[in-house]
């Protein structure tokens, strides 16, 4: 198990836009939001293979993802925003209070 820290980048992907027609509860959408993309060298450094499942943990929670090598900067993990990433984020949106 590795205790190396990475920056988590979770946002909507262009593929999610095309899956709107299929629905958020489809197997395709589930697969997309359960895949983390990392730089191949980072995967090798921490001993992860393509297609392997890995646990991602933050101060708020944890979730499991399938690893995929991709075009991401060293030290970063990209995961398309979805139910699994919600388990990794706190509720503070950093919004501005008016009053």
PDB file of N, CA and C in Angstrom:
ATOM      1  N   UNK A   1       0.849  -1.195   0.000  1.00  0.00           N
ATOM      2  CA  UNK A   1       0.000   0.000   0.000  1.00  0.00           C
ATOM      3  C   UNK A   1       0.881   1.239   0.000  1.00  0.00           C
ATOM      4  N   UNK A   2       0.480   2.236  -0.753  1.00  0.00           N
ATOM      5  CA  UNK A   2       1.264   3.455  -0.883  1.00  0.00           C
ATOM      6  C   UNK A   2       0.618   4.603  -0.122  1.00  0.00           C
ATOM      7  N   UNK A   3       1.452   5.400   0.532  1.00  0.00           N
ATOM      8  CA  UNK A   3       0.960   6.591   1.225  1.00  0.00           C
ATOM      9  C   UNK A   3       1.348   7.856   0.470  1.00  0.00           C
ATOM     10  N   UNK A   4       1.675   7.723  -0.795  1.00  0.00           N
ATOM     11  CA  UNK A   4       2.039   8.881  -1.609  1.00  0.00           C
ATOM     12  C   UNK A   4       0.782   9.711  -1.856  1.00  0.00           C
ATOM     13  N   UNK A   5       0.917  11.022  -1.782  1.00  0.00           N
ATOM     14  CA  UNK A   5      -0.219  11.919  -1.991  1.00  0.00           C
ATOM     15  C   UNK A   5      -0.256  12.418  -3.432  1.00  0.00           C
ATOM     16  N   UNK A   6      -1.483  12.554  -3.937  1.00  0.00           N
ATOM     17  CA  UNK A   6      -1.707  13.065  -5.286  1.00  0.00           C
ATOM     18  C   UNK A   6      -2.747  14.176  -5.224  1.00  0.00           C
ATOM     19  N   UNK A   7      -2.757  15.016  -6.238  1.00  0.00           N
ATOM     20  CA  UNK A   7      -3.797  16.030  -6.383  1.00  0.00           C
ATOM     21  C   UNK A   7      -4.968  15.365  -7.102  1.00  0.00           C
ATOM     22  N   UNK A   8      -6.145  15.475  -6.523  1.00  0.00           N
ATOM     23  CA  UNK A   8      -7.345  14.914  -7.134  1.00  0.00           C
ATOM     24  C   UNK A   8      -8.040  15.982  -7.961  1.00  0.00           C
ATOM     25  N   UNK A   9      -8.202  15.716  -9.246  1.00  0.00           N
ATOM     26  CA  UNK A   9      -8.927  16.598 -10.154  1.00  0.00           C
ATOM     27  C   UNK A   9     -10.184  15.856 -10.570  1.00  0.00           C
ATOM     28  N   UNK A  10     -11.320  16.312 -10.092  1.00  0.00           N
ATOM     29  CA  UNK A  10     -12.580  15.677 -10.438  1.00  0.00           C
ATOM     30  C   UNK A  10     -13.505  16.720 -11.035  1.00  0.00           C
ATOM     31  N   UNK A  11     -13.840  16.528 -12.279  1.00  0.00           N
ATOM     32  CA  UNK A  11     -14.751  17.451 -12.963  1.00  0.00           C
ATOM     33  C   UNK A  11     -15.519  16.671 -14.017  1.00  0.00           C
ATOM     34  N   UNK A  12     -16.445  17.316 -14.658  1.00  0.00           N
ATOM     35  CA  UNK A  12     -17.225  16.662 -15.711  1.00  0.00           C
ATOM     36  C   UNK A  12     -16.319  16.421 -16.912  1.00  0.00           C
ATOM     37  N   UNK A  13     -16.489  15.287 -17.540  1.00  0.00           N
ATOM     38  CA  UNK A  13     -15.714  14.990 -18.745  1.00  0.00           C
ATOM     39  C   UNK A  13     -16.622  15.148 -19.972  1.00  0.00           C
ATOM     40  N   UNK A  14     -16.007  15.300 -21.129  1.00  0.00           N
ATOM     41  CA  UNK A  14     -16.801  15.428 -22.356  1.00  0.00           C
ATOM     42  C   UNK A  14     -17.592  14.146 -22.613  1.00  0.00           C
ATOM     43  N   UNK A  15     -17.044  13.015 -22.218  1.00  0.00           N
ATOM     44  CA  UNK A  15     -17.739  11.734 -22.394  1.00  0.00           C
ATOM     45  C   UNK A  15     -19.043  11.724 -21.598  1.00  0.00           C
ATOM     46  N   UNK A  16     -19.063  12.367 -20.430  1.00  0.00           N
ATOM     47  CA  UNK A  16     -20.294  12.424 -19.639  1.00  0.00           C
ATOM     48  C   UNK A  16     -21.404  13.125 -20.408  1.00  0.00           C
ATOM     49  N   UNK A  17     -21.056  14.141 -21.171  1.00  0.00           N
ATOM     50  CA  UNK A  17     -22.057  14.849 -21.970  1.00  0.00           C
ATOM     51  C   UNK A  17     -22.720  13.934 -22.985  1.00  0.00           C
ATOM     52  N   UNK A  18     -21.938  13.046 -23.571  1.00  0.00           N
ATOM     53  CA  UNK A  18     -22.507  12.128 -24.559  1.00  0.00           C
ATOM     54  C   UNK A  18     -23.329  11.024 -23.897  1.00  0.00           C
ATOM     55  N   UNK A  19     -23.067  10.756 -22.631  1.00  0.00           N
ATOM     56  CA  UNK A  19     -23.800   9.701 -21.940  1.00  0.00           C
ATOM     57  C   UNK A  19     -25.121  10.185 -21.338  1.00  0.00           C
ATOM     58  N   UNK A  20     -25.405  11.468 -21.442  1.00  0.00           N
ATOM     59  CA  UNK A  20     -26.664  12.015 -20.923  1.00  0.00           C
ATOM     60  C   UNK A  20     -27.847  11.269 -21.530  1.00  0.00           C
ATOM     61  N   UNK A  21     -27.734  10.908 -22.808  1.00  0.00           N
ATOM     62  CA  UNK A  21     -28.818  10.181 -23.477  1.00  0.00           C
ATOM     63  C   UNK A  21     -29.014   8.779 -22.918  1.00  0.00           C
ATOM     64  N   UNK A  22     -27.938   8.176 -22.404  1.00  0.00           N
ATOM     65  CA  UNK A  22     -28.006   6.819 -21.877  1.00  0.00           C
ATOM     66  C   UNK A  22     -28.482   6.827 -20.425  1.00  0.00           C
ATOM     67  N   UNK A  23     -28.126   7.867 -19.701  1.00  0.00           N
ATOM     68  CA  UNK A  23     -28.569   8.008 -18.323  1.00  0.00           C
ATOM     69  C   UNK A  23     -27.477   7.769 -17.298  1.00  0.00           C
ATOM     70  N   UNK A  24     -27.635   8.428 -16.153  1.00  0.00           N
ATOM     71  CA  UNK A  24     -26.637   8.355 -15.091  1.00  0.00           C
ATOM     72  C   UNK A  24     -26.577   6.990 -14.408  1.00  0.00           C
ATOM     73  N   UNK A  25     -27.570   6.168 -14.629  1.00  0.00           N
ATOM     74  CA  UNK A  25     -27.589   4.865 -13.972  1.00  0.00           C
ATOM     75  C   UNK A  25     -27.180   3.743 -14.921  1.00  0.00           C
ATOM     76  N   UNK A  26     -26.668   4.111 -16.086  1.00  0.00           N
ATOM     77  CA  UNK A  26     -26.232   3.108 -17.046  1.00  0.00           C
ATOM     78  C   UNK A  26     -24.877   2.527 -16.637  1.00  0.00           C
ATOM     79  N   UNK A  27     -24.576   1.364 -17.141  1.00  0.00           N
ATOM     80  CA  UNK A  27     -23.287   0.720 -16.859  1.00  0.00           C
ATOM     81  C   UNK A  27     -22.135   1.556 -17.418  1.00  0.00           C
ATOM     82  N   UNK A  28     -22.350   2.193 -18.576  1.00  0.00           N
ATOM     83  CA  UNK A  28     -21.317   3.036 -19.185  1.00  0.00           C
ATOM     84  C   UNK A  28     -20.954   4.212 -18.285  1.00  0.00           C
ATOM     85  N   UNK A  29     -21.983   4.871 -17.746  1.00  0.00           N
ATOM     86  CA  UNK A  29     -21.755   6.024 -16.864  1.00  0.00           C
ATOM     87  C   UNK A  29     -21.050   5.573 -15.589  1.00  0.00           C
ATOM     88  N   UNK A  30     -21.500   4.458 -15.037  1.00  0.00           N
ATOM     89  CA  UNK A  30     -20.887   3.925 -13.819  1.00  0.00           C
ATOM     90  C   UNK A  30     -19.410   3.626 -14.062  1.00  0.00           C
ATOM     91  N   UNK A  31     -19.102   2.999 -15.176  1.00  0.00           N
ATOM     92  CA  UNK A  31     -17.717   2.668 -15.502  1.00  0.00           C
ATOM     93  C   UNK A  31     -16.873   3.938 -15.640  1.00  0.00           C
ATOM     94  N   UNK A  32     -17.425   4.954 -16.291  1.00  0.00           N
ATOM     95  CA  UNK A  32     -16.710   6.213 -16.482  1.00  0.00           C
ATOM     96  C   UNK A  32     -16.375   6.874 -15.142  1.00  0.00           C
ATOM     97  N   UNK A  33     -17.339   6.938 -14.245  1.00  0.00           N
ATOM     98  CA  UNK A  33     -17.131   7.630 -12.967  1.00  0.00           C
ATOM     99  C   UNK A  33     -16.405   6.769 -11.936  1.00  0.00           C
ATOM    100  N   UNK A  34     -16.101   5.527 -12.288  1.00  0.00           N
ATOM    101  CA  UNK A  34     -15.319   4.659 -11.399  1.00  0.00           C
ATOM    102  C   UNK A  34     -13.921   4.384 -11.958  1.00  0.00           C
ATOM    103  N   UNK A  35     -13.478   5.213 -12.907  1.00  0.00           N
ATOM    104  CA  UNK A  35     -12.150   5.067 -13.499  1.00  0.00           C
ATOM    105  C   UNK A  35     -11.304   6.275 -13.148  1.00  0.00           C
ATOM    106  N   UNK A  36     -10.089   6.023 -12.639  1.00  0.00           N
ATOM    107  CA  UNK A  36      -9.167   7.127 -12.375  1.00  0.00           C
ATOM    108  C   UNK A  36      -8.040   7.066 -13.387  1.00  0.00           C
ATOM    109  N   UNK A  37      -7.697   8.221 -13.894  1.00  0.00           N
ATOM    110  CA  UNK A  37      -6.657   8.323 -14.910  1.00  0.00           C
ATOM    111  C   UNK A  37      -5.428   8.947 -14.268  1.00  0.00           C
ATOM    112  N   UNK A  38      -4.296   8.270 -14.445  1.00  0.00           N
ATOM    113  CA  UNK A  38      -3.029   8.721 -13.873  1.00  0.00           C
ATOM    114  C   UNK A  38      -1.947   8.685 -14.940  1.00  0.00           C
ATOM    115  N   UNK A  39      -0.882   9.415 -14.714  1.00  0.00           N
ATOM    116  CA  UNK A  39       0.300   9.364 -15.560  1.00  0.00           C
ATOM    117  C   UNK A  39       0.926   7.979 -15.377  1.00  0.00           C
ATOM    118  N   UNK A  40       1.330   7.341 -16.462  1.00  0.00           N
ATOM    119  CA  UNK A  40       1.839   5.968 -16.422  1.00  0.00           C
ATOM    120  C   UNK A  40       3.009   5.800 -15.450  1.00  0.00           C
ATOM    121  N   UNK A  41       3.898   6.775 -15.392  1.00  0.00           N
ATOM    122  CA  UNK A  41       5.036   6.704 -14.473  1.00  0.00           C
ATOM    123  C   UNK A  41       4.604   6.708 -13.014  1.00  0.00           C
ATOM    124  N   UNK A  42       3.573   7.481 -12.700  1.00  0.00           N
ATOM    125  CA  UNK A  42       3.038   7.494 -11.328  1.00  0.00           C
ATOM    126  C   UNK A  42       2.450   6.130 -10.979  1.00  0.00           C
ATOM    127  N   UNK A  43       1.741   5.532 -11.935  1.00  0.00           N
ATOM    128  CA  UNK A  43       1.167   4.211 -11.698  1.00  0.00           C
ATOM    129  C   UNK A  43       2.278   3.209 -11.412  1.00  0.00           C
ATOM    130  N   UNK A  44       3.327   3.265 -12.201  1.00  0.00           N
ATOM    131  CA  UNK A  44       4.454   2.344 -12.017  1.00  0.00           C
ATOM    132  C   UNK A  44       5.125   2.566 -10.657  1.00  0.00           C
ATOM    133  N   UNK A  45       5.312   3.832 -10.290  1.00  0.00           N
ATOM    134  CA  UNK A  45       5.967   4.164  -9.023  1.00  0.00           C
ATOM    135  C   UNK A  45       5.241   3.557  -7.827  1.00  0.00           C
ATOM    136  N   UNK A  46       3.917   3.581  -7.861  1.00  0.00           N
ATOM    137  CA  UNK A  46       3.173   3.047  -6.706  1.00  0.00           C
ATOM    138  C   UNK A  46       2.687   1.619  -6.926  1.00  0.00           C
ATOM    139  N   UNK A  47       3.110   1.012  -8.039  1.00  0.00           N
ATOM    140  CA  UNK A  47       2.833  -0.395  -8.264  1.00  0.00           C
ATOM    141  C   UNK A  47       1.434  -0.725  -8.743  1.00  0.00           C
ATOM    142  N   UNK A  48       0.824   0.185  -9.502  1.00  0.00           N
ATOM    143  CA  UNK A  48      -0.508  -0.072 -10.050  1.00  0.00           C
ATOM    144  C   UNK A  48      -0.410  -0.459 -11.517  1.00  0.00           C
ATOM    145  N   UNK A  49      -1.207  -1.433 -11.922  1.00  0.00           N
ATOM    146  CA  UNK A  49      -1.259  -1.870 -13.319  1.00  0.00           C
ATOM    147  C   UNK A  49      -2.556  -1.382 -13.955  1.00  0.00           C
ATOM    148  N   UNK A  50      -2.521  -1.219 -15.263  1.00  0.00           N
ATOM    149  CA  UNK A  50      -3.718  -0.846 -16.027  1.00  0.00           C
ATOM    150  C   UNK A  50      -4.855  -1.816 -15.701  1.00  0.00           C
ATOM    151  N   UNK A  51      -6.013  -1.280 -15.358  1.00  0.00           N
ATOM    152  CA  UNK A  51      -7.185  -2.103 -15.057  1.00  0.00           C
ATOM    153  C   UNK A  51      -7.279  -2.563 -13.611  1.00  0.00           C
ATOM    154  N   UNK A  52      -6.238  -2.336 -12.831  1.00  0.00           N
ATOM    155  CA  UNK A  52      -6.259  -2.729 -11.429  1.00  0.00           C
ATOM    156  C   UNK A  52      -7.149  -1.788 -10.631  1.00  0.00           C
ATOM    157  N   UNK A  53      -7.815  -2.298  -9.607  1.00  0.00           N
ATOM    158  CA  UNK A  53      -8.636  -1.465  -8.722  1.00  0.00           C
ATOM    159  C   UNK A  53      -7.743  -0.899  -7.623  1.00  0.00           C
ATOM    160  N   UNK A  54      -7.993   0.340  -7.232  1.00  0.00           N
ATOM    161  CA  UNK A  54      -7.211   0.999  -6.188  1.00  0.00           C
ATOM    162  C   UNK A  54      -8.129   1.831  -5.306  1.00  0.00           C
ATOM    163  N   UNK A  55      -7.802   1.878  -4.044  1.00  0.00           N
ATOM    164  CA  UNK A  55      -8.561   2.658  -3.073  1.00  0.00           C
ATOM    165  C   UNK A  55      -7.984   4.062  -3.017  1.00  0.00           C
ATOM    166  N   UNK A  56      -8.847   5.064  -3.173  1.00  0.00           N
ATOM    167  CA  UNK A  56      -8.447   6.461  -3.040  1.00  0.00           C
ATOM    168  C   UNK A  56      -9.076   6.966  -1.754  1.00  0.00           C
ATOM    169  N   UNK A  57      -8.247   7.588  -0.915  1.00  0.00           N
ATOM    170  CA  UNK A  57      -8.717   8.049   0.392  1.00  0.00           C
ATOM    171  C   UNK A  57      -8.387   9.533   0.557  1.00  0.00           C
ATOM    172  N   UNK A  58      -9.360  10.281   1.060  1.00  0.00           N
ATOM    173  CA  UNK A  58      -9.149  11.687   1.415  1.00  0.00           C
ATOM    174  C   UNK A  58      -9.548  11.854   2.882  1.00  0.00           C
ATOM    175  N   UNK A  59      -9.432  13.066   3.387  1.00  0.00           N
ATOM    176  CA  UNK A  59      -9.842  13.318   4.769  1.00  0.00           C
ATOM    177  C   UNK A  59     -11.352  13.143   4.964  1.00  0.00           C
ATOM    178  N   UNK A  60     -12.120  13.107   3.872  1.00  0.00           N
ATOM    179  CA  UNK A  60     -13.582  13.023   3.947  1.00  0.00           C
ATOM    180  C   UNK A  60     -14.133  11.614   3.752  1.00  0.00           C
ATOM    181  N   UNK A  61     -13.393  10.758   3.058  1.00  0.00           N
ATOM    182  CA  UNK A  61     -13.888   9.415   2.813  1.00  0.00           C
ATOM    183  C   UNK A  61     -13.001   8.674   1.834  1.00  0.00           C
ATOM    184  N   UNK A  62     -13.497   7.552   1.352  1.00  0.00           N
ATOM    185  CA  UNK A  62     -12.722   6.748   0.415  1.00  0.00           C
ATOM    186  C   UNK A  62     -13.641   6.074  -0.595  1.00  0.00           C
ATOM    187  N   UNK A  63     -13.058   5.715  -1.726  1.00  0.00           N
ATOM    188  CA  UNK A  63     -13.793   5.035  -2.784  1.00  0.00           C
ATOM    189  C   UNK A  63     -12.792   4.269  -3.641  1.00  0.00           C
ATOM    190  N   UNK A  64     -13.269   3.258  -4.326  1.00  0.00           N
ATOM    191  CA  UNK A  64     -12.400   2.420  -5.142  1.00  0.00           C
ATOM    192  C   UNK A  64     -12.608   2.725  -6.623  1.00  0.00           C
ATOM    193  N   UNK A  65     -11.490   2.736  -7.372  1.00  0.00           N
ATOM    194  CA  UNK A  65     -11.524   3.073  -8.786  1.00  0.00           C
ATOM    195  C   UNK A  65     -10.666   2.112  -9.600  1.00  0.00           C
ATOM    196  N   UNK A  66     -10.975   2.004 -10.878  1.00  0.00           N
ATOM    197  CA  UNK A  66     -10.159   1.230 -11.816  1.00  0.00           C
ATOM    198  C   UNK A  66      -9.097   2.157 -12.393  1.00  0.00           C
ATOM    199  N   UNK A  67      -7.841   1.717 -12.402  1.00  0.00           N
ATOM    200  CA  UNK A  67      -6.725   2.539 -12.870  1.00  0.00           C
ATOM    201  C   UNK A  67      -6.593   2.491 -14.391  1.00  0.00           C
ATOM    202  N   UNK A  68      -6.302   3.657 -14.945  1.00  0.00           N
ATOM    203  CA  UNK A  68      -6.061   3.768 -16.381  1.00  0.00           C
ATOM    204  C   UNK A  68      -4.958   4.794 -16.593  1.00  0.00           C
ATOM    205  N   UNK A  69      -3.962   4.444 -17.386  1.00  0.00           N
ATOM    206  CA  UNK A  69      -2.904   5.395 -17.718  1.00  0.00           C
ATOM    207  C   UNK A  69      -3.440   6.380 -18.744  1.00  0.00           C
ATOM    208  N   UNK A  70      -3.062   7.639 -18.595  1.00  0.00           N
ATOM    209  CA  UNK A  70      -3.538   8.647 -19.531  1.00  0.00           C
ATOM    210  C   UNK A  70      -2.709   9.906 -19.471  1.00  0.00           C
ATOM    211  N   UNK A  71      -3.147  10.890 -20.220  1.00  0.00           N
ATOM    212  CA  UNK A  71      -2.431  12.158 -20.345  1.00  0.00           C
ATOM    213  C   UNK A  71      -2.839  13.087 -19.196  1.00  0.00           C
ATOM    214  N   UNK A  72      -2.169  12.883 -18.065  1.00  0.00           N
ATOM    215  CA  UNK A  72      -2.419  13.665 -16.860  1.00  0.00           C
ATOM    216  C   UNK A  72      -1.051  14.063 -16.310  1.00  0.00           C
ATOM    217  N   UNK A  73      -0.902  15.256 -15.751  1.00  0.00           N
ATOM    218  CA  UNK A  73       0.396  15.648 -15.185  1.00  0.00           C
ATOM    219  C   UNK A  73       0.827  14.712 -14.044  1.00  0.00           C
ATOM    220  N   UNK A  74       2.138  14.566 -13.900  1.00  0.00           N
ATOM    221  CA  UNK A  74       2.663  13.803 -12.766  1.00  0.00           C
ATOM    222  C   UNK A  74       2.071  14.334 -11.472  1.00  0.00           C
ATOM    223  N   UNK A  75       1.743  13.448 -10.560  1.00  0.00           N
ATOM    224  CA  UNK A  75       1.243  13.857  -9.254  1.00  0.00           C
ATOM    225  C   UNK A  75      -0.243  14.164  -9.220  1.00  0.00           C
ATOM    226  N   UNK A  76      -0.948  13.931 -10.317  1.00  0.00           N
ATOM    227  CA  UNK A  76      -2.375  14.229 -10.369  1.00  0.00           C
ATOM    228  C   UNK A  76      -3.169  12.986 -10.748  1.00  0.00           C
ATOM    229  N   UNK A  77      -4.374  12.901 -10.231  1.00  0.00           N
ATOM    230  CA  UNK A  77      -5.325  11.860 -10.593  1.00  0.00           C
ATOM    231  C   UNK A  77      -6.547  12.573 -11.152  1.00  0.00           C
ATOM    232  N   UNK A  78      -7.035  12.126 -12.313  1.00  0.00           N
ATOM    233  CA  UNK A  78      -8.293  12.662 -12.839  1.00  0.00           C
ATOM    234  C   UNK A  78      -9.360  11.590 -12.714  1.00  0.00           C
ATOM    235  N   UNK A  79     -10.494  11.974 -12.138  1.00  0.00           N
ATOM    236  CA  UNK A  79     -11.657  11.094 -12.046  1.00  0.00           C
ATOM    237  C   UNK A  79     -12.875  11.904 -12.447  1.00  0.00           C
ATOM    238  N   UNK A  80     -13.632  11.406 -13.413  1.00  0.00           N
ATOM    239  CA  UNK A  80     -14.852  12.099 -13.829  1.00  0.00           C
ATOM    240  C   UNK A  80     -15.803  12.186 -12.633  1.00  0.00           C
ATOM    241  N   UNK A  81     -16.335  13.368 -12.403  1.00  0.00           N
ATOM    242  CA  UNK A  81     -17.204  13.616 -11.257  1.00  0.00           C
ATOM    243  C   UNK A  81     -18.432  12.709 -11.285  1.00  0.00           C
ATOM    244  N   UNK A  82     -18.715  12.097 -10.159  1.00  0.00           N
ATOM    245  CA  UNK A  82     -19.873  11.217 -10.045  1.00  0.00           C
ATOM    246  C   UNK A  82     -20.029  10.742  -8.612  1.00  0.00           C
ATOM    247  N   UNK A  83     -20.941   9.817  -8.371  1.00  0.00           N
ATOM    248  CA  UNK A  83     -21.191   9.338  -7.006  1.00  0.00           C
ATOM    249  C   UNK A  83     -19.941   8.886  -6.248  1.00  0.00           C
ATOM    250  N   UNK A  84     -18.993   8.154  -6.870  1.00  0.00           N
ATOM    251  CA  UNK A  84     -17.810   7.750  -6.104  1.00  0.00           C
ATOM    252  C   UNK A  84     -16.940   8.922  -5.647  1.00  0.00           C
ATOM    253  N   UNK A  85     -16.819   9.971  -6.486  1.00  0.00           N
ATOM    254  CA  UNK A  85     -15.990  11.107  -6.078  1.00  0.00           C
ATOM    255  C   UNK A  85     -16.680  11.947  -5.006  1.00  0.00           C
ATOM    256  N   UNK A  86     -18.000  11.901  -4.951  1.00  0.00           N
ATOM    257  CA  UNK A  86     -18.721  12.637  -3.902  1.00  0.00           C
ATOM    258  C   UNK A  86     -18.329  12.128  -2.515  1.00  0.00           C
ATOM    259  N   UNK A  87     -17.951  10.861  -2.436  1.00  0.00           N
ATOM    260  CA  UNK A  87     -17.519  10.288  -1.160  1.00  0.00           C
ATOM    261  C   UNK A  87     -16.163  10.827  -0.723  1.00  0.00           C
ATOM    262  N   UNK A  88     -15.439  11.460  -1.641  1.00  0.00           N
ATOM    263  CA  UNK A  88     -14.091  11.956  -1.365  1.00  0.00           C
ATOM    264  C   UNK A  88     -14.055  13.443  -1.034  1.00  0.00           C
ATOM    265  N   UNK A  89     -15.192  14.120  -1.154  1.00  0.00           N
ATOM    266  CA  UNK A  89     -15.213  15.584  -1.005  1.00  0.00           C
ATOM    267  C   UNK A  89     -16.070  16.011   0.173  1.00  0.00           C
ATOM    268  N   UNK A  90     -15.642  17.084   0.815  1.00  0.00           N
ATOM    269  CA  UNK A  90     -16.428  17.653   1.902  1.00  0.00           C
ATOM    270  C   UNK A  90     -17.581  18.482   1.367  1.00  0.00           C
ATOM    271  N   UNK A  91     -18.391  18.977   2.255  1.00  0.00           N
ATOM    272  CA  UNK A  91     -19.579  19.740   1.856  1.00  0.00           C
ATOM    273  C   UNK A  91     -19.353  21.227   1.697  1.00  0.00           C
ATOM    274  N   UNK A  92     -18.192  21.749   2.095  1.00  0.00           N
ATOM    275  CA  UNK A  92     -17.940  23.185   1.993  1.00  0.00           C
ATOM    276  C   UNK A  92     -17.637  23.560   0.547  1.00  0.00           C
ATOM    277  N   UNK A  93     -18.497  24.372  -0.028  1.00  0.00           N
ATOM    278  CA  UNK A  93     -18.323  24.777  -1.429  1.00  0.00           C
ATOM    279  C   UNK A  93     -17.485  26.034  -1.592  1.00  0.00           C
ATOM    280  N   UNK A  94     -17.148  26.697  -0.473  1.00  0.00           N
ATOM    281  CA  UNK A  94     -16.380  27.926  -0.554  1.00  0.00           C
ATOM    282  C   UNK A  94     -17.218  29.078  -1.065  1.00  0.00           C
ATOM    283  N   UNK A  95     -18.532  28.943  -0.988  1.00  0.00           N
ATOM    284  CA  UNK A  95     -19.441  29.991  -1.456  1.00  0.00           C
ATOM    285  C   UNK A  95     -19.344  31.242  -0.594  1.00  0.00           C
ATOM    286  N   UNK A  96     -19.849  32.322  -1.110  1.00  0.00           N
ATOM    287  CA  UNK A  96     -19.835  33.601  -0.410  1.00  0.00           C
ATOM    288  C   UNK A  96     -21.161  33.824   0.294  1.00  0.00           C
ATOM    289  N   UNK A  97     -21.080  34.248   1.529  1.00  0.00           N
ATOM    290  CA  UNK A  97     -22.294  34.565   2.271  1.00  0.00           C
ATOM    291  C   UNK A  97     -22.694  36.012   1.982  1.00  0.00           C
ATOM    292  N   UNK A  98     -23.980  36.216   1.816  1.00  0.00           N
ATOM    293  CA  UNK A  98     -24.501  37.557   1.598  1.00  0.00           C
ATOM    294  C   UNK A  98     -25.272  37.946   2.856  1.00  0.00           C
ATOM    295  N   UNK A  99     -25.022  39.093   3.322  1.00  0.00           N
ATOM    296  CA  UNK A  99     -25.793  39.480   4.485  1.00  0.00           C
ATOM    297  C   UNK A  99     -25.228  40.555   5.224  1.00  0.00           C
TER     298      UNK A  99
END
